[in-house]
Structure formats: structure tokens, C-alpha cells
């Protein structure tokens, strides 16, 4: 259950990061409100997962999911540049997340 909550929290992290961008420095109300709600939910999920998962693994997975998903949405939706190096780097982040999950489940 902790892993599921952690993964959802990582997705919510991407949501709050994108909402922060859309808030334009907290100058737009609804993106700012969305940021606050998603950030609170994301941190609450991380806190829940940390009850049973090691902090190093959980935090790395949480930030990895958030960073990867934010980068993908930035490239696919927001028109940010795409390059082979960016894509390879994202694959490496995802591989690291999977590796951390497998290592934790094996111990």
C-alpha cells in the first residue's frame, strides 16, 4: 500500500509543479489554489509512505516520478525542447526508480 500511495504522490508532485508554472508566480488564483491542494496531498502521501519505507528510497522515488512526469508533460504539452539526451536521461531516471523499488522489495 505504501508503494501505491508513494507513486500517486509522485504524480501529484508533477501536478503541483505544473500548477506552480501555470500560477505565474501565484498571480493567478485557480492555478495557485490547485498548487496548494496538490502540494498538500503530495506531501501527505509522502509522509504516509515514510511510515514504512526508508526515507532515501521513498524520497528518491517520489522526486523521480515527479521530475520525470513534469519533464514529459513540459515537452509534450508546453512546447519545451526535446532531445535524445533528455529522453535517455528520463529513461535512466525511470530505470533508477524501478531499481530502487526492486531493491526494496528484495530486502
PDB file of N, CA and C in Angstrom:
ATOM      1  N   UNK A   1       0.820  -1.200   0.000  1.00  0.00           N
ATOM      2  CA  UNK A   1       0.000   0.000   0.000  1.00  0.00           C
ATOM      3  C   UNK A   1       0.865   1.268   0.000  1.00  0.00           C
ATOM      4  N   UNK A   2       1.974   1.233   0.761  1.00  0.00           N
ATOM      5  CA  UNK A   2       2.839   2.404   0.831  1.00  0.00           C
ATOM      6  C   UNK A   2       3.405   2.756  -0.545  1.00  0.00           C
ATOM      7  N   UNK A   3       3.749   1.733  -1.328  1.00  0.00           N
ATOM      8  CA  UNK A   3       4.288   1.994  -2.666  1.00  0.00           C
ATOM      9  C   UNK A   3       3.239   2.647  -3.563  1.00  0.00           C
ATOM     10  N   UNK A   4       2.013   2.187  -3.479  1.00  0.00           N
ATOM     11  CA  UNK A   4       0.934   2.769  -4.292  1.00  0.00           C
ATOM     12  C   UNK A   4       0.729   4.229  -3.924  1.00  0.00           C
ATOM     13  N   UNK A   5       0.670   4.512  -2.637  1.00  0.00           N
ATOM     14  CA  UNK A   5       0.499   5.889  -2.169  1.00  0.00           C
ATOM     15  C   UNK A   5       1.681   6.743  -2.617  1.00  0.00           C
ATOM     16  N   UNK A   6       2.872   6.195  -2.543  1.00  0.00           N
ATOM     17  CA  UNK A   6       4.066   6.938  -2.953  1.00  0.00           C
ATOM     18  C   UNK A   6       4.024   7.264  -4.442  1.00  0.00           C
ATOM     19  N   UNK A   7       3.620   6.326  -5.259  1.00  0.00           N
ATOM     20  CA  UNK A   7       3.541   6.562  -6.712  1.00  0.00           C
ATOM     21  C   UNK A   7       2.501   7.634  -7.020  1.00  0.00           C
ATOM     22  N   UNK A   8       1.333   7.527  -6.390  1.00  0.00           N
ATOM     23  CA  UNK A   8       0.290   8.547  -6.594  1.00  0.00           C
ATOM     24  C   UNK A   8       0.803   9.911  -6.135  1.00  0.00           C
ATOM     25  N   UNK A   9       1.521   9.936  -5.027  1.00  0.00           N
ATOM     26  CA  UNK A   9       2.076  11.191  -4.518  1.00  0.00           C
ATOM     27  C   UNK A   9       3.100  11.780  -5.480  1.00  0.00           C
ATOM     28  N   UNK A  10       3.870  10.921  -6.149  1.00  0.00           N
ATOM     29  CA  UNK A  10       4.803  11.397  -7.164  1.00  0.00           C
ATOM     30  C   UNK A  10       4.093  12.023  -8.347  1.00  0.00           C
ATOM     31  N   UNK A  11       2.977  11.428  -8.744  1.00  0.00           N
ATOM     32  CA  UNK A  11       2.171  12.006  -9.823  1.00  0.00           C
ATOM     33  C   UNK A  11       1.600  13.359  -9.385  1.00  0.00           C
ATOM     34  N   UNK A  12       1.138  13.418  -8.140  1.00  0.00           N
ATOM     35  CA  UNK A  12       0.629  14.689  -7.611  1.00  0.00           C
ATOM     36  C   UNK A  12       1.732  15.747  -7.552  1.00  0.00           C
ATOM     37  N   UNK A  13       2.964  15.301  -7.320  1.00  0.00           N
ATOM     38  CA  UNK A  13       4.083  16.248  -7.327  1.00  0.00           C
ATOM     39  C   UNK A  13       4.214  16.907  -8.699  1.00  0.00           C
ATOM     40  N   UNK A  14       4.090  16.113  -9.738  1.00  0.00           N
ATOM     41  CA  UNK A  14       4.127  16.686 -11.082  1.00  0.00           C
ATOM     42  C   UNK A  14       2.972  17.669 -11.273  1.00  0.00           C
ATOM     43  N   UNK A  15       1.818  17.310 -10.738  1.00  0.00           N
ATOM     44  CA  UNK A  15       0.653  18.199 -10.836  1.00  0.00           C
ATOM     45  C   UNK A  15       0.885  19.534 -10.165  1.00  0.00           C
ATOM     46  N   UNK A  16       1.481  19.497  -8.952  1.00  0.00           N
ATOM     47  CA  UNK A  16       1.688  20.789  -8.296  1.00  0.00           C
ATOM     48  C   UNK A  16       2.789  21.593  -8.978  1.00  0.00           C
ATOM     49  N   UNK A  17       3.781  20.917  -9.536  1.00  0.00           N
ATOM     50  CA  UNK A  17       4.831  21.650 -10.251  1.00  0.00           C
ATOM     51  C   UNK A  17       4.259  22.351 -11.486  1.00  0.00           C
ATOM     52  N   UNK A  18       3.406  21.642 -12.206  1.00  0.00           N
ATOM     53  CA  UNK A  18       2.786  22.241 -13.397  1.00  0.00           C
ATOM     54  C   UNK A  18       1.812  23.346 -13.012  1.00  0.00           C
ATOM     55  N   UNK A  19       1.119  23.170 -11.891  1.00  0.00           N
ATOM     56  CA  UNK A  19       0.215  24.219 -11.404  1.00  0.00           C
ATOM     57  C   UNK A  19       0.994  25.456 -10.985  1.00  0.00           C
ATOM     58  N   UNK A  20       2.150  25.235 -10.393  1.00  0.00           N
ATOM     59  CA  UNK A  20       3.001  26.358 -10.000  1.00  0.00           C
ATOM     60  C   UNK A  20       3.414  27.154 -11.230  1.00  0.00           C
ATOM     61  N   UNK A  21       3.757  26.466 -12.295  1.00  0.00           N
ATOM     62  CA  UNK A  21       4.096  27.136 -13.554  1.00  0.00           C
ATOM     63  C   UNK A  21       2.895  27.942 -14.061  1.00  0.00           C
ATOM     64  N   UNK A  22       1.725  27.299 -14.029  1.00  0.00           N
ATOM     65  CA  UNK A  22       0.510  27.954 -14.528  1.00  0.00           C
ATOM     66  C   UNK A  22       0.075  29.128 -13.656  1.00  0.00           C
ATOM     67  N   UNK A  23       0.480  29.131 -12.395  1.00  0.00           N
ATOM     68  CA  UNK A  23       0.069  30.213 -11.489  1.00  0.00           C
ATOM     69  C   UNK A  23       0.783  31.533 -11.806  1.00  0.00           C
ATOM     70  N   UNK A  24       1.844  31.437 -12.609  1.00  0.00           N
ATOM     71  CA  UNK A  24       2.622  32.617 -12.997  1.00  0.00           C
ATOM     72  C   UNK A  24       3.027  33.424 -11.758  1.00  0.00           C
ATOM     73  N   UNK A  25       3.748  32.728 -10.859  1.00  0.00           N
ATOM     74  CA  UNK A  25       4.237  33.395  -9.647  1.00  0.00           C
ATOM     75  C   UNK A  25       3.130  33.706  -8.658  1.00  0.00           C
ATOM     76  N   UNK A  26       2.165  32.823  -8.577  1.00  0.00           N
ATOM     77  CA  UNK A  26       0.996  32.971  -7.694  1.00  0.00           C
ATOM     78  C   UNK A  26       0.159  34.199  -8.038  1.00  0.00           C
ATOM     79  N   UNK A  27       0.196  34.631  -9.292  1.00  0.00           N
ATOM     80  CA  UNK A  27      -0.601  35.785  -9.709  1.00  0.00           C
ATOM     81  C   UNK A  27      -1.956  35.373 -10.287  1.00  0.00           C
ATOM     82  N   UNK A  28      -2.180  34.079 -10.476  1.00  0.00           N
ATOM     83  CA  UNK A  28      -3.458  33.567 -10.988  1.00  0.00           C
ATOM     84  C   UNK A  28      -4.082  32.694  -9.905  1.00  0.00           C
ATOM     85  N   UNK A  29      -5.335  32.971  -9.565  1.00  0.00           N
ATOM     86  CA  UNK A  29      -5.984  32.353  -8.407  1.00  0.00           C
ATOM     87  C   UNK A  29      -6.109  30.844  -8.516  1.00  0.00           C
ATOM     88  N   UNK A  30      -6.785  30.332  -9.534  1.00  0.00           N
ATOM     89  CA  UNK A  30      -7.103  28.902  -9.564  1.00  0.00           C
ATOM     90  C   UNK A  30      -5.881  28.005  -9.728  1.00  0.00           C
ATOM     91  N   UNK A  31      -4.924  28.364 -10.562  1.00  0.00           N
ATOM     92  CA  UNK A  31      -3.707  27.550 -10.565  1.00  0.00           C
ATOM     93  C   UNK A  31      -2.980  27.593  -9.217  1.00  0.00           C
ATOM     94  N   UNK A  32      -3.048  28.725  -8.524  1.00  0.00           N
ATOM     95  CA  UNK A  32      -2.418  28.831  -7.202  1.00  0.00           C
ATOM     96  C   UNK A  32      -3.119  27.944  -6.187  1.00  0.00           C
ATOM     97  N   UNK A  33      -4.450  27.927  -6.228  1.00  0.00           N
ATOM     98  CA  UNK A  33      -5.233  27.064  -5.336  1.00  0.00           C
ATOM     99  C   UNK A  33      -4.949  25.599  -5.664  1.00  0.00           C
ATOM    100  N   UNK A  34      -4.906  25.267  -6.948  1.00  0.00           N
ATOM    101  CA  UNK A  34      -4.608  23.902  -7.376  1.00  0.00           C
ATOM    102  C   UNK A  34      -3.232  23.479  -6.884  1.00  0.00           C
ATOM    103  N   UNK A  35      -2.272  24.372  -6.985  1.00  0.00           N
ATOM    104  CA  UNK A  35      -0.931  24.094  -6.473  1.00  0.00           C
ATOM    105  C   UNK A  35      -0.979  23.741  -4.992  1.00  0.00           C
ATOM    106  N   UNK A  36      -1.652  24.551  -4.204  1.00  0.00           N
ATOM    107  CA  UNK A  36      -1.702  24.324  -2.757  1.00  0.00           C
ATOM    108  C   UNK A  36      -2.352  22.986  -2.413  1.00  0.00           C
ATOM    109  N   UNK A  37      -3.444  22.663  -3.079  1.00  0.00           N
ATOM    110  CA  UNK A  37      -4.149  21.404  -2.805  1.00  0.00           C
ATOM    111  C   UNK A  37      -3.285  20.212  -3.203  1.00  0.00           C
ATOM    112  N   UNK A  38      -2.725  20.255  -4.414  1.00  0.00           N
ATOM    113  CA  UNK A  38      -1.914  19.128  -4.879  1.00  0.00           C
ATOM    114  C   UNK A  38      -0.636  18.977  -4.066  1.00  0.00           C
ATOM    115  N   UNK A  39      -0.027  20.080  -3.675  1.00  0.00           N
ATOM    116  CA  UNK A  39       1.179  20.004  -2.855  1.00  0.00           C
ATOM    117  C   UNK A  39       0.868  19.378  -1.498  1.00  0.00           C
ATOM    118  N   UNK A  40      -0.236  19.799  -0.885  1.00  0.00           N
ATOM    119  CA  UNK A  40      -0.618  19.237   0.417  1.00  0.00           C
ATOM    120  C   UNK A  40      -0.880  17.741   0.304  1.00  0.00           C
ATOM    121  N   UNK A  41      -1.595  17.332  -0.728  1.00  0.00           N
ATOM    122  CA  UNK A  41      -1.889  15.904  -0.919  1.00  0.00           C
ATOM    123  C   UNK A  41      -0.615  15.115  -1.211  1.00  0.00           C
ATOM    124  N   UNK A  42       0.261  15.676  -2.024  1.00  0.00           N
ATOM    125  CA  UNK A  42       1.505  15.001  -2.372  1.00  0.00           C
ATOM    126  C   UNK A  42       2.388  14.803  -1.149  1.00  0.00           C
ATOM    127  N   UNK A  43       2.542  15.850  -0.348  1.00  0.00           N
ATOM    128  CA  UNK A  43       3.361  15.736   0.860  1.00  0.00           C
ATOM    129  C   UNK A  43       2.723  14.801   1.887  1.00  0.00           C
ATOM    130  N   UNK A  44       1.396  14.826   1.971  1.00  0.00           N
ATOM    131  CA  UNK A  44       0.710  13.918   2.905  1.00  0.00           C
ATOM    132  C   UNK A  44       0.933  12.467   2.485  1.00  0.00           C
ATOM    133  N   UNK A  45       0.876  12.201   1.195  1.00  0.00           N
ATOM    134  CA  UNK A  45       1.131  10.849   0.709  1.00  0.00           C
ATOM    135  C   UNK A  45       2.560  10.416   0.969  1.00  0.00           C
ATOM    136  N   UNK A  46       3.509  11.315   0.762  1.00  0.00           N
ATOM    137  CA  UNK A  46       4.903  11.003   1.055  1.00  0.00           C
ATOM    138  C   UNK A  46       5.069  10.705   2.541  1.00  0.00           C
ATOM    139  N   UNK A  47       4.449  11.504   3.385  1.00  0.00           N
ATOM    140  CA  UNK A  47       4.535  11.290   4.834  1.00  0.00           C
ATOM    141  C   UNK A  47       3.964   9.928   5.215  1.00  0.00           C
ATOM    142  N   UNK A  48       2.859   9.557   4.590  1.00  0.00           N
ATOM    143  CA  UNK A  48       2.258   8.252   4.859  1.00  0.00           C
ATOM    144  C   UNK A  48       3.206   7.130   4.441  1.00  0.00           C
ATOM    145  N   UNK A  49       3.775   7.248   3.252  1.00  0.00           N
ATOM    146  CA  UNK A  49       4.677   6.207   2.745  1.00  0.00           C
ATOM    147  C   UNK A  49       5.923   6.085   3.610  1.00  0.00           C
ATOM    148  N   UNK A  50       6.369   7.194   4.185  1.00  0.00           N
ATOM    149  CA  UNK A  50       7.576   7.168   5.013  1.00  0.00           C
ATOM    150  C   UNK A  50       7.372   6.433   6.337  1.00  0.00           C
ATOM    151  N   UNK A  51       6.136   6.128   6.662  1.00  0.00           N
ATOM    152  CA  UNK A  51       5.893   5.325   7.869  1.00  0.00           C
ATOM    153  C   UNK A  51       6.518   3.947   7.746  1.00  0.00           C
ATOM    154  N   UNK A  52       6.547   3.426   6.515  1.00  0.00           N
ATOM    155  CA  UNK A  52       7.035   2.051   6.334  1.00  0.00           C
ATOM    156  C   UNK A  52       8.222   1.940   5.378  1.00  0.00           C
ATOM    157  N   UNK A  53       8.423   2.912   4.517  1.00  0.00           N
ATOM    158  CA  UNK A  53       9.512   2.837   3.542  1.00  0.00           C
ATOM    159  C   UNK A  53      10.714   3.647   4.028  1.00  0.00           C
ATOM    160  N   UNK A  54      11.917   3.231   3.658  1.00  0.00           N
ATOM    161  CA  UNK A  54      13.105   4.006   4.020  1.00  0.00           C
ATOM    162  C   UNK A  54      13.074   5.384   3.347  1.00  0.00           C
ATOM    163  N   UNK A  55      13.522   6.392   4.075  1.00  0.00           N
ATOM    164  CA  UNK A  55      13.434   7.760   3.576  1.00  0.00           C
ATOM    165  C   UNK A  55      14.224   7.960   2.282  1.00  0.00           C
ATOM    166  N   UNK A  56      15.401   7.389   2.182  1.00  0.00           N
ATOM    167  CA  UNK A  56      16.210   7.578   0.981  1.00  0.00           C
ATOM    168  C   UNK A  56      15.534   7.043  -0.264  1.00  0.00           C
ATOM    169  N   UNK A  57      15.019   5.841  -0.149  1.00  0.00           N
ATOM    170  CA  UNK A  57      14.329   5.214  -1.284  1.00  0.00           C
ATOM    171  C   UNK A  57      13.045   5.954  -1.613  1.00  0.00           C
ATOM    172  N   UNK A  58      12.235   6.217  -0.600  1.00  0.00           N
ATOM    173  CA  UNK A  58      10.932   6.855  -0.834  1.00  0.00           C
ATOM    174  C   UNK A  58      11.098   8.242  -1.442  1.00  0.00           C
ATOM    175  N   UNK A  59      12.013   9.024  -0.909  1.00  0.00           N
ATOM    176  CA  UNK A  59      12.193  10.377  -1.420  1.00  0.00           C
ATOM    177  C   UNK A  59      12.728  10.359  -2.851  1.00  0.00           C
ATOM    178  N   UNK A  60      13.653   9.455  -3.125  1.00  0.00           N
ATOM    179  CA  UNK A  60      14.194   9.357  -4.485  1.00  0.00           C
ATOM    180  C   UNK A  60      13.114   8.959  -5.483  1.00  0.00           C
ATOM    181  N   UNK A  61      12.273   8.023  -5.108  1.00  0.00           N
ATOM    182  CA  UNK A  61      11.181   7.592  -5.990  1.00  0.00           C
ATOM    183  C   UNK A  61      10.181   8.728  -6.182  1.00  0.00           C
ATOM    184  N   UNK A  62       9.806   9.385  -5.093  1.00  0.00           N
ATOM    185  CA  UNK A  62       8.830  10.484  -5.151  1.00  0.00           C
ATOM    186  C   UNK A  62       9.313  11.597  -6.070  1.00  0.00           C
ATOM    187  N   UNK A  63      10.547  12.040  -5.865  1.00  0.00           N
ATOM    188  CA  UNK A  63      11.067  13.121  -6.703  1.00  0.00           C
ATOM    189  C   UNK A  63      11.321  12.649  -8.137  1.00  0.00           C
ATOM    190  N   UNK A  64      11.740  11.399  -8.290  1.00  0.00           N
ATOM    191  CA  UNK A  64      11.986  10.870  -9.630  1.00  0.00           C
ATOM    192  C   UNK A  64      10.729  10.824 -10.471  1.00  0.00           C
ATOM    193  N   UNK A  65       9.649  10.342  -9.862  1.00  0.00           N
ATOM    194  CA  UNK A  65       8.368  10.300 -10.585  1.00  0.00           C
ATOM    195  C   UNK A  65       7.917  11.713 -10.917  1.00  0.00           C
ATOM    196  N   UNK A  66       7.967  12.594  -9.942  1.00  0.00           N
ATOM    197  CA  UNK A  66       7.527  13.974 -10.166  1.00  0.00           C
ATOM    198  C   UNK A  66       8.352  14.676 -11.227  1.00  0.00           C
ATOM    199  N   UNK A  67       9.659  14.542 -11.137  1.00  0.00           N
ATOM    200  CA  UNK A  67      10.534  15.206 -12.103  1.00  0.00           C
ATOM    201  C   UNK A  67      10.360  14.638 -13.506  1.00  0.00           C
ATOM    202  N   UNK A  68      10.289  13.327 -13.608  1.00  0.00           N
ATOM    203  CA  UNK A  68      10.150  12.694 -14.925  1.00  0.00           C
ATOM    204  C   UNK A  68       8.833  13.076 -15.585  1.00  0.00           C
ATOM    205  N   UNK A  69       7.753  12.955 -14.830  1.00  0.00           N
ATOM    206  CA  UNK A  69       6.440  13.262 -15.395  1.00  0.00           C
ATOM    207  C   UNK A  69       6.336  14.743 -15.754  1.00  0.00           C
ATOM    208  N   UNK A  70       6.881  15.603 -14.907  1.00  0.00           N
ATOM    209  CA  UNK A  70       6.864  17.039 -15.208  1.00  0.00           C
ATOM    210  C   UNK A  70       7.644  17.326 -16.491  1.00  0.00           C
ATOM    211  N   UNK A  71       8.788  16.703 -16.653  1.00  0.00           N
ATOM    212  CA  UNK A  71       9.590  16.910 -17.863  1.00  0.00           C
ATOM    213  C   UNK A  71       8.862  16.412 -19.104  1.00  0.00           C
ATOM    214  N   UNK A  72       8.225  15.257 -19.004  1.00  0.00           N
ATOM    215  CA  UNK A  72       7.490  14.704 -20.152  1.00  0.00           C
ATOM    216  C   UNK A  72       6.332  15.624 -20.537  1.00  0.00           C
ATOM    217  N   UNK A  73       5.562  16.072 -19.557  1.00  0.00           N
ATOM    218  CA  UNK A  73       4.444  16.978 -19.853  1.00  0.00           C
ATOM    219  C   UNK A  73       4.980  18.298 -20.415  1.00  0.00           C
ATOM    220  N   UNK A  74       6.089  18.780 -19.873  1.00  0.00           N
ATOM    221  CA  UNK A  74       6.683  20.001 -20.405  1.00  0.00           C
ATOM    222  C   UNK A  74       7.041  19.873 -21.873  1.00  0.00           C
ATOM    223  N   UNK A  75       7.606  18.734 -22.224  1.00  0.00           N
ATOM    224  CA  UNK A  75       7.983  18.522 -23.628  1.00  0.00           C
ATOM    225  C   UNK A  75       6.757  18.276 -24.511  1.00  0.00           C
ATOM    226  N   UNK A  76       5.810  17.468 -24.024  1.00  0.00           N
ATOM    227  CA  UNK A  76       4.669  17.068 -24.851  1.00  0.00           C
ATOM    228  C   UNK A  76       3.591  18.139 -24.959  1.00  0.00           C
ATOM    229  N   UNK A  77       3.392  18.904 -23.893  1.00  0.00           N
ATOM    230  CA  UNK A  77       2.267  19.838 -23.865  1.00  0.00           C
ATOM    231  C   UNK A  77       2.703  21.301 -23.883  1.00  0.00           C
ATOM    232  N   UNK A  78       3.784  21.605 -23.186  1.00  0.00           N
ATOM    233  CA  UNK A  78       4.180  23.001 -23.023  1.00  0.00           C
ATOM    234  C   UNK A  78       5.204  23.471 -24.044  1.00  0.00           C
ATOM    235  N   UNK A  79       5.564  22.600 -24.974  1.00  0.00           N
ATOM    236  CA  UNK A  79       6.465  23.003 -26.045  1.00  0.00           C
ATOM    237  C   UNK A  79       7.919  23.146 -25.650  1.00  0.00           C
ATOM    238  N   UNK A  80       8.302  22.517 -24.546  1.00  0.00           N
ATOM    239  CA  UNK A  80       9.710  22.548 -24.161  1.00  0.00           C
ATOM    240  C   UNK A  80      10.507  21.651 -25.100  1.00  0.00           C
ATOM    241  N   UNK A  81      11.762  21.955 -25.278  1.00  0.00           N
ATOM    242  CA  UNK A  81      12.594  21.235 -26.227  1.00  0.00           C
ATOM    243  C   UNK A  81      12.739  19.753 -25.906  1.00  0.00           C
ATOM    244  N   UNK A  82      12.826  18.965 -26.975  1.00  0.00           N
ATOM    245  CA  UNK A  82      13.025  17.522 -26.860  1.00  0.00           C
ATOM    246  C   UNK A  82      14.352  17.185 -27.530  1.00  0.00           C
ATOM    247  N   UNK A  83      15.131  16.352 -26.852  1.00  0.00           N
ATOM    248  CA  UNK A  83      16.382  15.899 -27.443  1.00  0.00           C
ATOM    249  C   UNK A  83      16.611  14.450 -27.036  1.00  0.00           C
ATOM    250  N   UNK A  84      17.494  13.800 -27.761  1.00  0.00           N
ATOM    251  CA  UNK A  84      17.823  12.421 -27.438  1.00  0.00           C
ATOM    252  C   UNK A  84      18.408  12.346 -26.031  1.00  0.00           C
ATOM    253  N   UNK A  85      19.263  13.288 -25.673  1.00  0.00           N
ATOM    254  CA  UNK A  85      19.864  13.281 -24.336  1.00  0.00           C
ATOM    255  C   UNK A  85      18.801  13.416 -23.246  1.00  0.00           C
ATOM    256  N   UNK A  86      17.813  14.275 -23.447  1.00  0.00           N
ATOM    257  CA  UNK A  86      16.732  14.411 -22.468  1.00  0.00           C
ATOM    258  C   UNK A  86      15.964  13.098 -22.326  1.00  0.00           C
ATOM    259  N   UNK A  87      15.630  12.487 -23.444  1.00  0.00           N
ATOM    260  CA  UNK A  87      14.863  11.247 -23.409  1.00  0.00           C
ATOM    261  C   UNK A  87      15.649  10.113 -22.757  1.00  0.00           C
ATOM    262  N   UNK A  88      16.929  10.001 -23.088  1.00  0.00           N
ATOM    263  CA  UNK A  88      17.771   8.981 -22.461  1.00  0.00           C
ATOM    264  C   UNK A  88      17.874   9.233 -20.961  1.00  0.00           C
ATOM    265  N   UNK A  89      18.013  10.481 -20.575  1.00  0.00           N
ATOM    266  CA  UNK A  89      18.103  10.821 -19.162  1.00  0.00           C
ATOM    267  C   UNK A  89      16.816  10.458 -18.423  1.00  0.00           C
ATOM    268  N   UNK A  90      15.679  10.695 -19.047  1.00  0.00           N
ATOM    269  CA  UNK A  90      14.397  10.314 -18.433  1.00  0.00           C
ATOM    270  C   UNK A  90      14.284   8.800 -18.284  1.00  0.00           C
ATOM    271  N   UNK A  91      14.737   8.072 -19.289  1.00  0.00           N
ATOM    272  CA  UNK A  91      14.729   6.606 -19.200  1.00  0.00           C
ATOM    273  C   UNK A  91      15.618   6.150 -18.046  1.00  0.00           C
ATOM    274  N   UNK A  92      16.746   6.799 -17.857  1.00  0.00           N
ATOM    275  CA  UNK A  92      17.632   6.435 -16.751  1.00  0.00           C
ATOM    276  C   UNK A  92      16.993   6.727 -15.398  1.00  0.00           C
ATOM    277  N   UNK A  93      16.267   7.829 -15.291  1.00  0.00           N
ATOM    278  CA  UNK A  93      15.564   8.137 -14.037  1.00  0.00           C
ATOM    279  C   UNK A  93      14.524   7.068 -13.751  1.00  0.00           C
ATOM    280  N   UNK A  94      13.737   6.711 -14.752  1.00  0.00           N
ATOM    281  CA  UNK A  94      12.706   5.680 -14.576  1.00  0.00           C
ATOM    282  C   UNK A  94      13.352   4.343 -14.230  1.00  0.00           C
ATOM    283  N   UNK A  95      14.458   4.009 -14.870  1.00  0.00           N
ATOM    284  CA  UNK A  95      15.167   2.764 -14.546  1.00  0.00           C
ATOM    285  C   UNK A  95      15.643   2.785 -13.097  1.00  0.00           C
ATOM    286  N   UNK A  96      16.110   3.924 -12.632  1.00  0.00           N
ATOM    287  CA  UNK A  96      16.525   4.050 -11.242  1.00  0.00           C
ATOM    288  C   UNK A  96      15.372   3.865 -10.283  1.00  0.00           C
ATOM    289  N   UNK A  97      14.209   4.415 -10.617  1.00  0.00           N
ATOM    290  CA  UNK A  97      13.013   4.252  -9.783  1.00  0.00           C
ATOM    291  C   UNK A  97      12.631   2.779  -9.705  1.00  0.00           C
ATOM    292  N   UNK A  98      12.625   2.116 -10.841  1.00  0.00           N
ATOM    293  CA  UNK A  98      12.303   0.687 -10.862  1.00  0.00           C
ATOM    294  C   UNK A  98      13.329  -0.102 -10.066  1.00  0.00           C
ATOM    295  N   UNK A  99      14.602   0.236 -10.242  1.00  0.00           N
ATOM    296  CA  UNK A  99      15.661  -0.460  -9.500  1.00  0.00           C
ATOM    297  C   UNK A  99      15.521  -0.280  -7.993  1.00  0.00           C
ATOM    298  N   UNK A 100      15.207   0.932  -7.550  1.00  0.00           N
ATOM    299  CA  UNK A 100      15.006   1.165  -6.120  1.00  0.00           C
ATOM    300  C   UNK A 100      13.823   0.358  -5.584  1.00  0.00           C
ATOM    301  N   UNK A 101      12.761   0.310  -6.358  1.00  0.00           N
ATOM    302  CA  UNK A 101      11.590  -0.478  -5.945  1.00  0.00           C
ATOM    303  C   UNK A 101      11.938  -1.947  -5.846  1.00  0.00           C
ATOM    304  N   UNK A 102      12.634  -2.474  -6.844  1.00  0.00           N
ATOM    305  CA  UNK A 102      13.019  -3.890  -6.817  1.00  0.00           C
ATOM    306  C   UNK A 102      13.969  -4.186  -5.664  1.00  0.00           C
ATOM    307  N   UNK A 103      14.913  -3.285  -5.428  1.00  0.00           N
ATOM    308  CA  UNK A 103      15.872  -3.496  -4.333  1.00  0.00           C
ATOM    309  C   UNK A 103      15.173  -3.493  -2.984  1.00  0.00           C
ATOM    310  N   UNK A 104      14.212  -2.616  -2.827  1.00  0.00           N
ATOM    311  CA  UNK A 104      13.487  -2.534  -1.551  1.00  0.00           C
ATOM    312  C   UNK A 104      12.624  -3.765  -1.337  1.00  0.00           C
ATOM    313  N   UNK A 105      12.003  -4.234  -2.399  1.00  0.00           N
ATOM    314  CA  UNK A 105      11.154  -5.431  -2.279  1.00  0.00           C
ATOM    315  C   UNK A 105      11.978  -6.697  -2.075  1.00  0.00           C
ATOM    316  N   UNK A 106      13.230  -6.679  -2.515  1.00  0.00           N
ATOM    317  CA  UNK A 106      14.089  -7.862  -2.367  1.00  0.00           C
ATOM    318  C   UNK A 106      14.674  -7.978  -0.960  1.00  0.00           C
ATOM    319  N   UNK A 107      14.713  -6.849  -0.235  1.00  0.00           N
ATOM    320  CA  UNK A 107      15.332  -6.919   1.103  1.00  0.00           C
ATOM    321  C   UNK A 107      14.330  -7.123   2.213  1.00  0.00           C
TER     322      UNK A 107
END
